[in-house]
Amino acid sequence: MQDIPLIDIGPLFGKDDKAQAEVDRAIAKAAFDIGFMVITGQPKDLSVGADARATMLKLFDLPQDVQRPFWKRNFAPENPHIYRGWFPLSSSAARNREGFEIGPDILRDLPAGQQDDLLYEPTPLPDASVLPENWRQIAADYYAGMEAIGQKILDSLSRSLGINPEIFRAAFDDGISTLRLLHYPKRPDGEAAPNDVPERFAEFNGQSYEQIARAHVDSGLLTVLAQCGVGGLQARNASGDWIAVPVIDDAFSINFGGLLDRWTGGRIRATLHRVLGQGENRYSVPFFFEPRPSTEIAPLPIDGIKPFAPFLYGDHLWATTTKFPENFGLGHLRPPRGTYTDPMTS
């Protein structure tokens, strides 16, 4: 059975070319073979550790009446925000997860002249008086650390693909990456999950588990995920087997999205993954590394890549994100800025 590779990425932040080349090879093998890996060794000066995550996740301790002003308009019609903010348990029929989505304005000013683009919507944040001390600074530092890790991985992949690293780097000027805080609440003791939605349960090793995240491929480029101490994340390997993604303190699982698969002509694999409930409270913190909405996605200069019609990243993101329960019914609010055909079907 193919395992999830465990890779120390420390050399990506150093000056040892030989060590960096070894890491490049390991990342490329993971990206090309299975599309999943677990990384360790990020510099300690990046504020991305368990303490930072624990502080950020205290957001979920706020009472519902304090939460509601930050719910997305789909769930609180009196609220103005649509794309950023909170999606409550009621956001899906399964009622088994809630989350808060934070944009780049936690770290930097949004670019001028983009107020008409929903993808640059400011993040609605509770007043500092109801949050843990320094919550916003901790979240900003974490966001910056995730960007640093994501960029180093894309630089590494650029070297392995034989393309100019500036192609990916330039795409992330004024990028719109999303820091998502997720909570999957434990069901009360003795309460079984109702079999009321499709694919609520999945069989694994002869046991039935509630799927708190059904099998899917992320739609974007790459995701940097902290599992926060509780397992359940699985990836499907090339043989079609589901394998557990290990939970390691202060390590991150990395998976590559369908768009990166398409952009690289299938060299990088986008892999199905899912989360099986473990009968306890589960928190996770994914960071979706996302470029500028106006980035043109066109075939990369890779030998043998299959041509496809170029399109704008923002058009692709909006077309895909509005298929998720928390954004149902919003597609008409952001018409495409260019010609767009779903690249996963074309």
C-alpha atoms as a PDB file:
ATOM      1  CA  MET A   1       0.000   0.000   0.000  1.00  0.00           C
ATOM      2  CA  GLN A   2       1.287   3.448  -0.938  1.00  0.00           C
ATOM      3  CA  ASP A   3       1.930   5.611   2.114  1.00  0.00           C
ATOM      4  CA  ILE A   4       1.694   9.371   2.512  1.00  0.00           C
ATOM      5  CA  PRO A   5       5.235  10.773   2.136  1.00  0.00           C
ATOM      6  CA  LEU A   6       6.668  12.621   5.146  1.00  0.00           C
ATOM      7  CA  ILE A   7       9.044  15.392   4.034  1.00  0.00           C
ATOM      8  CA  ASP A   8      11.226  17.783   6.031  1.00  0.00           C
ATOM      9  CA  ILE A   9      11.015  21.039   4.058  1.00  0.00           C
ATOM     10  CA  GLY A  10      13.551  22.891   6.221  1.00  0.00           C
ATOM     11  CA  PRO A  11      16.162  22.999   3.414  1.00  0.00           C
ATOM     12  CA  LEU A  12      13.738  25.006   1.240  1.00  0.00           C
ATOM     13  CA  PHE A  13      14.325  27.904   3.630  1.00  0.00           C
ATOM     14  CA  GLY A  14      18.121  27.491   3.725  1.00  0.00           C
ATOM     15  CA  LYS A  15      21.119  27.913   1.428  1.00  0.00           C
ATOM     16  CA  ASP A  16      22.308  24.325   1.034  1.00  0.00           C
ATOM     17  CA  ASP A  17      21.681  23.652  -2.655  1.00  0.00           C
ATOM     18  CA  LYS A  18      22.302  19.920  -2.362  1.00  0.00           C
ATOM     19  CA  ALA A  19      19.833  19.513   0.514  1.00  0.00           C
ATOM     20  CA  GLN A  20      17.306  21.665  -1.331  1.00  0.00           C
ATOM     21  CA  ALA A  21      17.621  19.502  -4.444  1.00  0.00           C
ATOM     22  CA  GLU A  22      16.896  16.385  -2.362  1.00  0.00           C
ATOM     23  CA  VAL A  23      13.747  18.011  -0.956  1.00  0.00           C
ATOM     24  CA  ASP A  24      12.720  19.111  -4.454  1.00  0.00           C
ATOM     25  CA  ARG A  25      12.907  15.495  -5.614  1.00  0.00           C
ATOM     26  CA  ALA A  26      10.851  14.274  -2.665  1.00  0.00           C
ATOM     27  CA  ILE A  27       8.159  16.938  -3.187  1.00  0.00           C
ATOM     28  CA  ALA A  28       8.034  16.252  -6.921  1.00  0.00           C
ATOM     29  CA  LYS A  29       7.612  12.517  -6.335  1.00  0.00           C
ATOM     30  CA  ALA A  30       4.771  13.163  -3.882  1.00  0.00           C
ATOM     31  CA  ALA A  31       3.103  15.654  -6.231  1.00  0.00           C
ATOM     32  CA  PHE A  32       3.453  13.483  -9.330  1.00  0.00           C
ATOM     33  CA  ASP A  33       2.666  10.099  -7.727  1.00  0.00           C
ATOM     34  CA  ILE A  34      -0.049  10.610  -5.113  1.00  0.00           C
ATOM     35  CA  GLY A  35      -0.785  14.334  -4.819  1.00  0.00           C
ATOM     36  CA  PHE A  36      -0.473  14.296  -1.026  1.00  0.00           C
ATOM     37  CA  MET A  37       2.319  14.705   1.505  1.00  0.00           C
ATOM     38  CA  VAL A  38       2.931  15.650   5.120  1.00  0.00           C
ATOM     39  CA  ILE A  39       5.563  18.293   5.790  1.00  0.00           C
ATOM     40  CA  THR A  40       7.655  19.163   8.820  1.00  0.00           C
ATOM     41  CA  GLY A  41      10.696  21.346   9.433  1.00  0.00           C
ATOM     42  CA  GLN A  42       9.226  24.781   8.738  1.00  0.00           C
ATOM     43  CA  PRO A  43      11.274  27.552  10.392  1.00  0.00           C
ATOM     44  CA  LYS A  44      10.393  28.191  14.002  1.00  0.00           C
ATOM     45  CA  ASP A  45      10.088  31.920  13.347  1.00  0.00           C
ATOM     46  CA  LEU A  46       6.944  31.224  11.320  1.00  0.00           C
ATOM     47  CA  SER A  47       4.037  31.663  13.725  1.00  0.00           C
ATOM     48  CA  VAL A  48       2.133  28.576  12.612  1.00  0.00           C
ATOM     49  CA  GLY A  49       2.237  26.342  15.678  1.00  0.00           C
ATOM     50  CA  ALA A  50      -0.387  24.661  17.830  1.00  0.00           C
ATOM     51  CA  ASP A  51      -0.597  27.576  20.273  1.00  0.00           C
ATOM     52  CA  ALA A  52      -1.533  29.979  17.482  1.00  0.00           C
ATOM     53  CA  ARG A  53      -4.178  27.601  16.179  1.00  0.00           C
ATOM     54  CA  ALA A  54      -5.636  27.063  19.651  1.00  0.00           C
ATOM     55  CA  THR A  55      -6.036  30.807  20.067  1.00  0.00           C
ATOM     56  CA  MET A  56      -7.647  31.282  16.659  1.00  0.00           C
ATOM     57  CA  LEU A  57     -10.066  28.395  17.234  1.00  0.00           C
ATOM     58  CA  LYS A  58     -11.428  30.029  20.399  1.00  0.00           C
ATOM     59  CA  LEU A  59     -13.567  31.971  17.961  1.00  0.00           C
ATOM     60  CA  PHE A  60     -15.972  29.012  18.119  1.00  0.00           C
ATOM     61  CA  ASP A  61     -16.504  29.607  21.843  1.00  0.00           C
ATOM     62  CA  LEU A  62     -18.465  32.781  21.095  1.00  0.00           C
ATOM     63  CA  PRO A  63     -22.199  32.469  21.906  1.00  0.00           C
ATOM     64  CA  GLN A  64     -24.535  32.280  18.938  1.00  0.00           C
ATOM     65  CA  ASP A  65     -25.933  35.776  19.396  1.00  0.00           C
ATOM     66  CA  VAL A  66     -22.380  37.129  19.101  1.00  0.00           C
ATOM     67  CA  GLN A  67     -21.642  34.864  16.132  1.00  0.00           C
ATOM     68  CA  ARG A  68     -24.678  35.765  14.059  1.00  0.00           C
ATOM     69  CA  PRO A  69     -23.533  39.221  12.834  1.00  0.00           C
ATOM     70  CA  PHE A  70     -20.604  37.429  11.192  1.00  0.00           C
ATOM     71  CA  TRP A  71     -22.664  34.733   9.461  1.00  0.00           C
ATOM     72  CA  LYS A  72     -22.707  34.958   5.687  1.00  0.00           C
ATOM     73  CA  ARG A  73     -25.782  36.572   4.160  1.00  0.00           C
ATOM     74  CA  ASN A  74     -26.987  33.156   2.955  1.00  0.00           C
ATOM     75  CA  PHE A  75     -27.709  32.295   6.609  1.00  0.00           C
ATOM     76  CA  ALA A  76     -28.375  35.733   8.111  1.00  0.00           C
ATOM     77  CA  PRO A  77     -30.142  37.869   5.467  1.00  0.00           C
ATOM     78  CA  GLU A  78     -29.587  41.045   7.484  1.00  0.00           C
ATOM     79  CA  ASN A  79     -25.798  40.797   7.038  1.00  0.00           C
ATOM     80  CA  PRO A  80     -24.028  42.477   4.086  1.00  0.00           C
ATOM     81  CA  HIS A  81     -21.095  40.094   3.612  1.00  0.00           C
ATOM     82  CA  ILE A  82     -21.379  37.236   1.143  1.00  0.00           C
ATOM     83  CA  TYR A  83     -18.021  35.551   0.540  1.00  0.00           C
ATOM     84  CA  ARG A  84     -16.013  35.984   3.754  1.00  0.00           C
ATOM     85  CA  GLY A  85     -17.155  35.260   7.292  1.00  0.00           C
ATOM     86  CA  TRP A  86     -18.960  32.513   9.159  1.00  0.00           C
ATOM     87  CA  PHE A  87     -20.963  29.577   7.847  1.00  0.00           C
ATOM     88  CA  PRO A  88     -22.946  27.971  10.699  1.00  0.00           C
ATOM     89  CA  LEU A  89     -23.954  24.359  11.269  1.00  0.00           C
ATOM     90  CA  SER A  90     -27.163  25.077   9.363  1.00  0.00           C
ATOM     91  CA  SER A  91     -25.122  25.766   6.208  1.00  0.00           C
ATOM     92  CA  SER A  92     -25.514  22.165   5.043  1.00  0.00           C
ATOM     93  CA  ALA A  93     -28.130  19.464   5.397  1.00  0.00           C
ATOM     94  CA  ALA A  94     -25.653  17.288   7.304  1.00  0.00           C
ATOM     95  CA  ARG A  95     -25.294  19.958  10.042  1.00  0.00           C
ATOM     96  CA  ASN A  96     -21.908  18.573  11.067  1.00  0.00           C
ATOM     97  CA  ARG A  97     -19.501  21.455  10.496  1.00  0.00           C
ATOM     98  CA  GLU A  98     -19.151  25.187  10.901  1.00  0.00           C
ATOM     99  CA  GLY A  99     -16.389  27.430   9.706  1.00  0.00           C
ATOM    100  CA  PHE A 100     -14.988  30.932   9.458  1.00  0.00           C
ATOM    101  CA  GLU A 101     -13.235  32.157   6.312  1.00  0.00           C
ATOM    102  CA  ILE A 102     -10.582  34.853   6.513  1.00  0.00           C
ATOM    103  CA  GLY A 103      -9.063  36.736   3.594  1.00  0.00           C
ATOM    104  CA  PRO A 104      -5.789  38.592   3.016  1.00  0.00           C
ATOM    105  CA  ASP A 105      -7.043  41.757   4.716  1.00  0.00           C
ATOM    106  CA  ILE A 106      -6.186  40.108   8.036  1.00  0.00           C
ATOM    107  CA  LEU A 107      -2.575  40.781   7.004  1.00  0.00           C
ATOM    108  CA  ARG A 108      -2.527  43.612   4.449  1.00  0.00           C
ATOM    109  CA  ASP A 109      -4.717  46.227   2.820  1.00  0.00           C
ATOM    110  CA  LEU A 110      -6.844  44.989  -0.045  1.00  0.00           C
ATOM    111  CA  PRO A 111      -5.770  46.376  -3.432  1.00  0.00           C
ATOM    112  CA  ALA A 112      -7.365  49.644  -4.518  1.00  0.00           C
ATOM    113  CA  GLY A 113      -9.968  49.610  -7.265  1.00  0.00           C
ATOM    114  CA  GLN A 114     -11.244  46.091  -6.590  1.00  0.00           C
ATOM    115  CA  GLN A 115     -14.309  46.922  -4.515  1.00  0.00           C
ATOM    116  CA  ASP A 116     -16.620  45.566  -7.231  1.00  0.00           C
ATOM    117  CA  ASP A 117     -15.102  42.076  -7.020  1.00  0.00           C
ATOM    118  CA  LEU A 118     -16.716  39.847  -4.391  1.00  0.00           C
ATOM    119  CA  LEU A 119     -13.508  37.863  -4.157  1.00  0.00           C
ATOM    120  CA  TYR A 120     -11.859  40.910  -2.563  1.00  0.00           C
ATOM    121  CA  GLU A 121     -14.631  41.283   0.004  1.00  0.00           C
ATOM    122  CA  PRO A 122     -13.275  42.404   3.402  1.00  0.00           C
ATOM    123  CA  THR A 123     -13.394  39.855   6.209  1.00  0.00           C
ATOM    124  CA  PRO A 124     -16.020  40.700   8.861  1.00  0.00           C
ATOM    125  CA  LEU A 125     -14.311  40.287  12.237  1.00  0.00           C
ATOM    126  CA  PRO A 126     -15.708  40.429  15.782  1.00  0.00           C
ATOM    127  CA  ASP A 127     -14.616  43.304  17.967  1.00  0.00           C
ATOM    128  CA  ALA A 128     -11.340  42.728  19.750  1.00  0.00           C
ATOM    129  CA  SER A 129     -13.180  42.975  23.091  1.00  0.00           C
ATOM    130  CA  VAL A 130     -14.872  39.582  22.546  1.00  0.00           C
ATOM    131  CA  LEU A 131     -11.793  37.806  21.177  1.00  0.00           C
ATOM    132  CA  PRO A 132      -8.758  36.406  22.978  1.00  0.00           C
ATOM    133  CA  GLU A 133      -5.937  38.874  23.494  1.00  0.00           C
ATOM    134  CA  ASN A 134      -3.942  39.550  20.302  1.00  0.00           C
ATOM    135  CA  TRP A 135      -6.275  37.296  18.267  1.00  0.00           C
ATOM    136  CA  ARG A 136      -6.028  39.425  15.116  1.00  0.00           C
ATOM    137  CA  GLN A 137      -2.239  39.667  15.242  1.00  0.00           C
ATOM    138  CA  ILE A 138      -1.941  35.919  15.809  1.00  0.00           C
ATOM    139  CA  ALA A 139      -4.239  35.267  12.837  1.00  0.00           C
ATOM    140  CA  ALA A 140      -2.266  37.712  10.681  1.00  0.00           C
ATOM    141  CA  ASP A 141       1.047  36.073  11.583  1.00  0.00           C
ATOM    142  CA  TYR A 142      -0.387  32.627  10.884  1.00  0.00           C
ATOM    143  CA  TYR A 143      -1.669  33.777   7.484  1.00  0.00           C
ATOM    144  CA  ALA A 144       1.787  35.143   6.637  1.00  0.00           C
ATOM    145  CA  GLY A 145       3.417  31.861   7.683  1.00  0.00           C
ATOM    146  CA  MET A 146       1.085  29.844   5.494  1.00  0.00           C
ATOM    147  CA  GLU A 147       1.888  32.075   2.526  1.00  0.00           C
ATOM    148  CA  ALA A 148       5.606  31.526   3.109  1.00  0.00           C
ATOM    149  CA  ILE A 149       5.189  27.737   3.177  1.00  0.00           C
ATOM    150  CA  GLY A 150       2.956  27.711   0.100  1.00  0.00           C
ATOM    151  CA  GLN A 151       5.377  29.845  -1.882  1.00  0.00           C
ATOM    152  CA  LYS A 152       8.361  27.649  -1.025  1.00  0.00           C
ATOM    153  CA  ILE A 153       6.472  24.565  -2.189  1.00  0.00           C
ATOM    154  CA  LEU A 154       5.494  26.224  -5.476  1.00  0.00           C
ATOM    155  CA  ASP A 155       9.109  27.362  -5.974  1.00  0.00           C
ATOM    156  CA  SER A 156      10.207  23.768  -5.456  1.00  0.00           C
ATOM    157  CA  LEU A 157       7.651  22.463  -7.938  1.00  0.00           C
ATOM    158  CA  SER A 158       8.721  25.113 -10.457  1.00  0.00           C
ATOM    159  CA  ARG A 159      12.277  23.809 -10.316  1.00  0.00           C
ATOM    160  CA  SER A 160      11.095  20.231 -10.808  1.00  0.00           C
ATOM    161  CA  LEU A 161       8.804  21.184 -13.695  1.00  0.00           C
ATOM    162  CA  GLY A 162      11.570  23.211 -15.335  1.00  0.00           C
ATOM    163  CA  ILE A 163       9.586  26.458 -15.418  1.00  0.00           C
ATOM    164  CA  ASN A 164      10.433  29.945 -14.206  1.00  0.00           C
ATOM    165  CA  PRO A 165       9.411  30.305 -10.533  1.00  0.00           C
ATOM    166  CA  GLU A 166       8.221  33.823 -11.339  1.00  0.00           C
ATOM    167  CA  ILE A 167       5.192  32.366 -13.133  1.00  0.00           C
ATOM    168  CA  PHE A 168       3.705  31.213  -9.830  1.00  0.00           C
ATOM    169  CA  ARG A 169       5.187  34.038  -7.777  1.00  0.00           C
ATOM    170  CA  ALA A 170       3.670  36.735  -9.974  1.00  0.00           C
ATOM    171  CA  ALA A 171       0.275  35.052  -9.803  1.00  0.00           C
ATOM    172  CA  PHE A 172       0.173  35.599  -6.050  1.00  0.00           C
ATOM    173  CA  ASP A 173       0.661  39.375  -6.115  1.00  0.00           C
ATOM    174  CA  ASP A 174      -2.570  40.587  -4.497  1.00  0.00           C
ATOM    175  CA  GLY A 175      -3.612  36.947  -4.054  1.00  0.00           C
ATOM    176  CA  ILE A 176      -6.814  36.030  -2.236  1.00  0.00           C
ATOM    177  CA  SER A 177      -5.776  32.986  -0.204  1.00  0.00           C
ATOM    178  CA  THR A 178      -8.311  31.801   2.354  1.00  0.00           C
ATOM    179  CA  LEU A 179      -7.543  30.879   5.957  1.00  0.00           C
ATOM    180  CA  ARG A 180     -10.441  28.706   7.100  1.00  0.00           C
ATOM    181  CA  LEU A 181     -11.133  27.736  10.700  1.00  0.00           C
ATOM    182  CA  LEU A 182     -13.238  24.569  10.921  1.00  0.00           C
ATOM    183  CA  HIS A 183     -15.129  22.885  13.740  1.00  0.00           C
ATOM    184  CA  TYR A 184     -16.805  19.483  13.464  1.00  0.00           C
ATOM    185  CA  PRO A 185     -18.728  19.156  16.752  1.00  0.00           C
ATOM    186  CA  LYS A 186     -18.938  15.874  18.610  1.00  0.00           C
ATOM    187  CA  ARG A 187     -22.414  14.411  18.729  1.00  0.00           C
ATOM    188  CA  PRO A 188     -23.897  14.094  22.224  1.00  0.00           C
ATOM    189  CA  ASP A 189     -23.154  10.769  23.869  1.00  0.00           C
ATOM    190  CA  GLY A 190     -25.578   8.118  22.688  1.00  0.00           C
ATOM    191  CA  GLU A 191     -26.808  10.184  19.731  1.00  0.00           C
ATOM    192  CA  ALA A 192     -26.216   8.523  16.379  1.00  0.00           C
ATOM    193  CA  ALA A 193     -25.930  10.497  13.181  1.00  0.00           C
ATOM    194  CA  PRO A 194     -29.176  10.177  11.208  1.00  0.00           C
ATOM    195  CA  ASN A 195     -28.974   8.492   7.822  1.00  0.00           C
ATOM    196  CA  ASP A 196     -30.714  11.439   6.196  1.00  0.00           C
ATOM    197  CA  VAL A 197     -28.326  12.738   3.523  1.00  0.00           C
ATOM    198  CA  PRO A 198     -26.551  10.975   0.650  1.00  0.00           C
ATOM    199  CA  GLU A 199     -23.168   9.491   1.543  1.00  0.00           C
ATOM    200  CA  ARG A 200     -23.564  10.354   5.225  1.00  0.00           C
ATOM    201  CA  PHE A 201     -21.715   7.110   6.063  1.00  0.00           C
ATOM    202  CA  ALA A 202     -18.736   5.293   4.581  1.00  0.00           C
ATOM    203  CA  GLU A 203     -17.364   1.820   5.187  1.00  0.00           C
ATOM    204  CA  PHE A 204     -13.699   1.416   6.072  1.00  0.00           C
ATOM    205  CA  ASN A 205     -12.010  -1.752   7.323  1.00  0.00           C
ATOM    206  CA  GLY A 206     -15.367  -3.326   8.043  1.00  0.00           C
ATOM    207  CA  GLN A 207     -16.693  -0.424  10.119  1.00  0.00           C
ATOM    208  CA  SER A 208     -19.163   2.321   9.324  1.00  0.00           C
ATOM    209  CA  TYR A 209     -18.088   5.931   9.884  1.00  0.00           C
ATOM    210  CA  GLU A 210     -19.872   9.231   9.483  1.00  0.00           C
ATOM    211  CA  GLN A 211     -18.232  11.158   6.662  1.00  0.00           C
ATOM    212  CA  ILE A 212     -17.878  14.641   8.083  1.00  0.00           C
ATOM    213  CA  ALA A 213     -16.290  15.634   4.781  1.00  0.00           C
ATOM    214  CA  ARG A 214     -17.251  13.558   1.771  1.00  0.00           C
ATOM    215  CA  ALA A 215     -14.716  12.469  -0.826  1.00  0.00           C
ATOM    216  CA  HIS A 216     -13.652  15.432  -2.956  1.00  0.00           C
ATOM    217  CA  VAL A 217     -10.786  17.075  -4.788  1.00  0.00           C
ATOM    218  CA  ASP A 218      -9.935  20.634  -3.787  1.00  0.00           C
ATOM    219  CA  SER A 219     -10.664  22.951  -6.686  1.00  0.00           C
ATOM    220  CA  GLY A 220      -7.644  25.278  -6.414  1.00  0.00           C
ATOM    221  CA  LEU A 221      -3.852  25.020  -6.382  1.00  0.00           C
ATOM    222  CA  LEU A 222      -2.681  23.670  -3.053  1.00  0.00           C
ATOM    223  CA  THR A 223      -3.966  23.356   0.494  1.00  0.00           C
ATOM    224  CA  VAL A 224      -1.863  23.504   3.665  1.00  0.00           C
ATOM    225  CA  LEU A 225      -3.810  21.790   6.457  1.00  0.00           C
ATOM    226  CA  ALA A 226      -3.321  21.466  10.210  1.00  0.00           C
ATOM    227  CA  GLN A 227      -5.403  18.593  11.620  1.00  0.00           C
ATOM    228  CA  CYS A 228      -5.207  19.876  15.216  1.00  0.00           C
ATOM    229  CA  GLY A 229      -4.525  16.564  16.918  1.00  0.00           C
ATOM    230  CA  VAL A 230      -7.481  14.469  15.706  1.00  0.00           C
ATOM    231  CA  GLY A 231      -7.224  12.070  12.792  1.00  0.00           C
ATOM    232  CA  GLY A 232      -9.795  10.979  10.272  1.00  0.00           C
ATOM    233  CA  LEU A 233      -8.355  12.529   7.119  1.00  0.00           C
ATOM    234  CA  GLN A 234      -7.808   9.946   4.391  1.00  0.00           C
ATOM    235  CA  ALA A 235      -6.462  10.150   0.838  1.00  0.00           C
ATOM    236  CA  ARG A 236      -7.064   7.691  -1.975  1.00  0.00           C
ATOM    237  CA  ASN A 237      -3.861   6.352  -3.492  1.00  0.00           C
ATOM    238  CA  ALA A 238      -3.180   5.324  -7.075  1.00  0.00           C
ATOM    239  CA  SER A 239      -4.440   1.798  -6.335  1.00  0.00           C
ATOM    240  CA  GLY A 240      -7.801   3.142  -5.169  1.00  0.00           C
ATOM    241  CA  ASP A 241      -7.181   2.376  -1.491  1.00  0.00           C
ATOM    242  CA  TRP A 242      -8.044   4.849   1.252  1.00  0.00           C
ATOM    243  CA  ILE A 243      -5.037   5.523   3.475  1.00  0.00           C
ATOM    244  CA  ALA A 244      -4.824   7.575   6.653  1.00  0.00           C
ATOM    245  CA  VAL A 245      -3.007  10.885   6.576  1.00  0.00           C
ATOM    246  CA  PRO A 246      -0.854  10.820   9.738  1.00  0.00           C
ATOM    247  CA  VAL A 247      -1.409  13.350  12.498  1.00  0.00           C
ATOM    248  CA  ILE A 248       1.945  14.725  13.673  1.00  0.00           C
ATOM    249  CA  ASP A 249       2.382  17.638  16.061  1.00  0.00           C
ATOM    250  CA  ASP A 250       3.099  20.871  14.165  1.00  0.00           C
ATOM    251  CA  ALA A 251       3.186  19.046  10.826  1.00  0.00           C
ATOM    252  CA  PHE A 252       0.952  19.958   7.901  1.00  0.00           C
ATOM    253  CA  SER A 253      -0.692  17.845   5.256  1.00  0.00           C
ATOM    254  CA  ILE A 254      -0.382  19.214   1.735  1.00  0.00           C
ATOM    255  CA  ASN A 255      -2.676  18.299  -1.102  1.00  0.00           C
ATOM    256  CA  PHE A 256      -2.782  19.632  -4.614  1.00  0.00           C
ATOM    257  CA  GLY A 257      -5.984  20.858  -6.217  1.00  0.00           C
ATOM    258  CA  GLY A 258      -7.720  20.162  -9.474  1.00  0.00           C
ATOM    259  CA  LEU A 259      -6.656  23.469 -10.964  1.00  0.00           C
ATOM    260  CA  LEU A 260      -2.954  22.768 -10.416  1.00  0.00           C
ATOM    261  CA  ASP A 261      -3.486  19.345 -11.970  1.00  0.00           C
ATOM    262  CA  ARG A 262      -5.032  21.053 -15.000  1.00  0.00           C
ATOM    263  CA  TRP A 263      -2.485  23.886 -15.133  1.00  0.00           C
ATOM    264  CA  THR A 264       0.433  21.433 -15.195  1.00  0.00           C
ATOM    265  CA  GLY A 265      -1.127  19.168 -17.780  1.00  0.00           C
ATOM    266  CA  GLY A 266      -1.700  16.394 -15.257  1.00  0.00           C
ATOM    267  CA  ARG A 267       1.912  16.239 -14.086  1.00  0.00           C
ATOM    268  CA  ILE A 268       0.761  17.129 -10.577  1.00  0.00           C
ATOM    269  CA  ARG A 269      -2.012  14.932  -9.228  1.00  0.00           C
ATOM    270  CA  ALA A 270      -5.148  16.170  -7.547  1.00  0.00           C
ATOM    271  CA  THR A 271      -6.192  13.449  -5.142  1.00  0.00           C
ATOM    272  CA  LEU A 272      -9.550  12.507  -3.669  1.00  0.00           C
ATOM    273  CA  HIS A 273      -9.659  12.854   0.102  1.00  0.00           C
ATOM    274  CA  ARG A 274     -12.281  12.650   2.830  1.00  0.00           C
ATOM    275  CA  VAL A 275     -12.679  12.936   6.597  1.00  0.00           C
ATOM    276  CA  LEU A 276     -14.216  10.173   8.716  1.00  0.00           C
ATOM    277  CA  GLY A 277     -15.623  11.160  12.099  1.00  0.00           C
ATOM    278  CA  GLN A 278     -13.726   9.847  15.115  1.00  0.00           C
ATOM    279  CA  GLY A 279     -16.489  10.311  17.689  1.00  0.00           C
ATOM    280  CA  GLU A 280     -14.982  13.453  19.193  1.00  0.00           C
ATOM    281  CA  ASN A 281     -14.744  17.171  18.615  1.00  0.00           C
ATOM    282  CA  ARG A 282     -12.572  17.848  15.597  1.00  0.00           C
ATOM    283  CA  TYR A 283     -10.966  21.108  14.576  1.00  0.00           C
ATOM    284  CA  SER A 284      -8.835  21.771  11.546  1.00  0.00           C
ATOM    285  CA  VAL A 285      -7.224  24.802   9.941  1.00  0.00           C
ATOM    286  CA  PRO A 286      -6.824  24.606   6.167  1.00  0.00           C
ATOM    287  CA  PHE A 287      -5.122  27.360   4.192  1.00  0.00           C
ATOM    288  CA  PHE A 288      -6.126  27.519   0.541  1.00  0.00           C
ATOM    289  CA  PHE A 289      -3.268  29.112  -1.395  1.00  0.00           C
ATOM    290  CA  GLU A 290      -5.030  31.195  -4.056  1.00  0.00           C
ATOM    291  CA  PRO A 291      -3.652  33.639  -6.637  1.00  0.00           C
ATOM    292  CA  ARG A 292      -4.944  37.001  -7.818  1.00  0.00           C
ATOM    293  CA  PRO A 293      -8.420  36.724  -9.448  1.00  0.00           C
ATOM    294  CA  SER A 294      -7.127  38.316 -12.667  1.00  0.00           C
ATOM    295  CA  THR A 295      -4.395  35.670 -13.051  1.00  0.00           C
ATOM    296  CA  GLU A 296      -4.647  34.088 -16.480  1.00  0.00           C
ATOM    297  CA  ILE A 297      -4.487  30.311 -16.316  1.00  0.00           C
ATOM    298  CA  ALA A 298      -2.936  29.182 -19.590  1.00  0.00           C
ATOM    299  CA  PRO A 299      -0.873  26.100 -20.497  1.00  0.00           C
ATOM    300  CA  LEU A 300       2.479  26.222 -18.741  1.00  0.00           C
ATOM    301  CA  PRO A 301       5.707  25.938 -20.784  1.00  0.00           C
ATOM    302  CA  ILE A 302       6.021  22.210 -20.100  1.00  0.00           C
ATOM    303  CA  ASP A 303       6.946  19.810 -22.910  1.00  0.00           C
ATOM    304  CA  GLY A 304       3.963  17.826 -24.134  1.00  0.00           C
ATOM    305  CA  ILE A 305       1.317  19.714 -22.173  1.00  0.00           C
ATOM    306  CA  LYS A 306      -2.150  19.437 -23.676  1.00  0.00           C
ATOM    307  CA  PRO A 307      -3.506  22.808 -24.841  1.00  0.00           C
ATOM    308  CA  PHE A 308      -6.581  24.314 -23.223  1.00  0.00           C
ATOM    309  CA  ALA A 309      -8.420  27.611 -23.545  1.00  0.00           C
ATOM    310  CA  PRO A 310      -6.998  30.206 -21.108  1.00  0.00           C
ATOM    311  CA  PHE A 311      -9.280  31.564 -18.384  1.00  0.00           C
ATOM    312  CA  LEU A 312      -9.124  33.828 -15.354  1.00  0.00           C
ATOM    313  CA  TYR A 313      -8.570  32.315 -11.930  1.00  0.00           C
ATOM    314  CA  GLY A 314     -11.340  34.389 -10.307  1.00  0.00           C
ATOM    315  CA  ASP A 315     -13.905  33.101 -12.791  1.00  0.00           C
ATOM    316  CA  HIS A 316     -12.896  29.523 -12.012  1.00  0.00           C
ATOM    317  CA  LEU A 317     -12.941  30.071  -8.252  1.00  0.00           C
ATOM    318  CA  TRP A 318     -16.392  31.651  -8.259  1.00  0.00           C
ATOM    319  CA  ALA A 319     -17.814  28.939 -10.535  1.00  0.00           C
ATOM    320  CA  THR A 320     -16.571  26.234  -8.168  1.00  0.00           C
ATOM    321  CA  THR A 321     -17.103  27.841  -4.757  1.00  0.00           C
ATOM    322  CA  THR A 322     -20.773  28.540  -5.528  1.00  0.00           C
ATOM    323  CA  LYS A 323     -21.330  24.789  -5.846  1.00  0.00           C
ATOM    324  CA  PHE A 324     -20.594  24.370  -2.120  1.00  0.00           C
ATOM    325  CA  PRO A 325     -23.495  24.516   0.374  1.00  0.00           C
ATOM    326  CA  GLU A 326     -22.259  27.665   2.105  1.00  0.00           C
ATOM    327  CA  ASN A 327     -22.369  29.554  -1.215  1.00  0.00           C
ATOM    328  CA  PHE A 328     -25.337  27.995  -3.027  1.00  0.00           C
ATOM    329  CA  GLY A 329     -27.349  30.359  -5.172  1.00  0.00           C
ATOM    330  CA  LEU A 330     -24.739  33.107  -5.426  1.00  0.00           C
ATOM    331  CA  GLY A 331     -23.297  32.415  -8.879  1.00  0.00           C
ATOM    332  CA  HIS A 332     -25.163  35.283 -10.545  1.00  0.00           C
ATOM    333  CA  LEU A 333     -23.607  37.855  -8.201  1.00  0.00           C
ATOM    334  CA  ARG A 334     -20.225  37.730  -9.970  1.00  0.00           C
ATOM    335  CA  PRO A 335     -20.477  37.308 -13.745  1.00  0.00           C
ATOM    336  CA  PRO A 336     -17.302  35.979 -15.399  1.00  0.00           C
ATOM    337  CA  ARG A 337     -14.712  38.645 -16.234  1.00  0.00           C
ATOM    338  CA  GLY A 338     -13.587  36.687 -19.288  1.00  0.00           C
ATOM    339  CA  THR A 339     -14.467  33.649 -21.369  1.00  0.00           C
ATOM    340  CA  TYR A 340     -14.806  30.693 -19.041  1.00  0.00           C
ATOM    341  CA  THR A 341     -15.420  26.998 -19.557  1.00  0.00           C
ATOM    342  CA  ASP A 342     -14.975  24.547 -16.710  1.00  0.00           C
ATOM    343  CA  PRO A 343     -11.363  23.354 -17.211  1.00  0.00           C
ATOM    344  CA  MET A 344     -12.086  20.075 -15.480  1.00  0.00           C
ATOM    345  CA  THR A 345     -14.548  19.087 -18.207  1.00  0.00           C
ATOM    346  CA  SER A 346     -12.988  20.719 -21.261  1.00  0.00           C
END
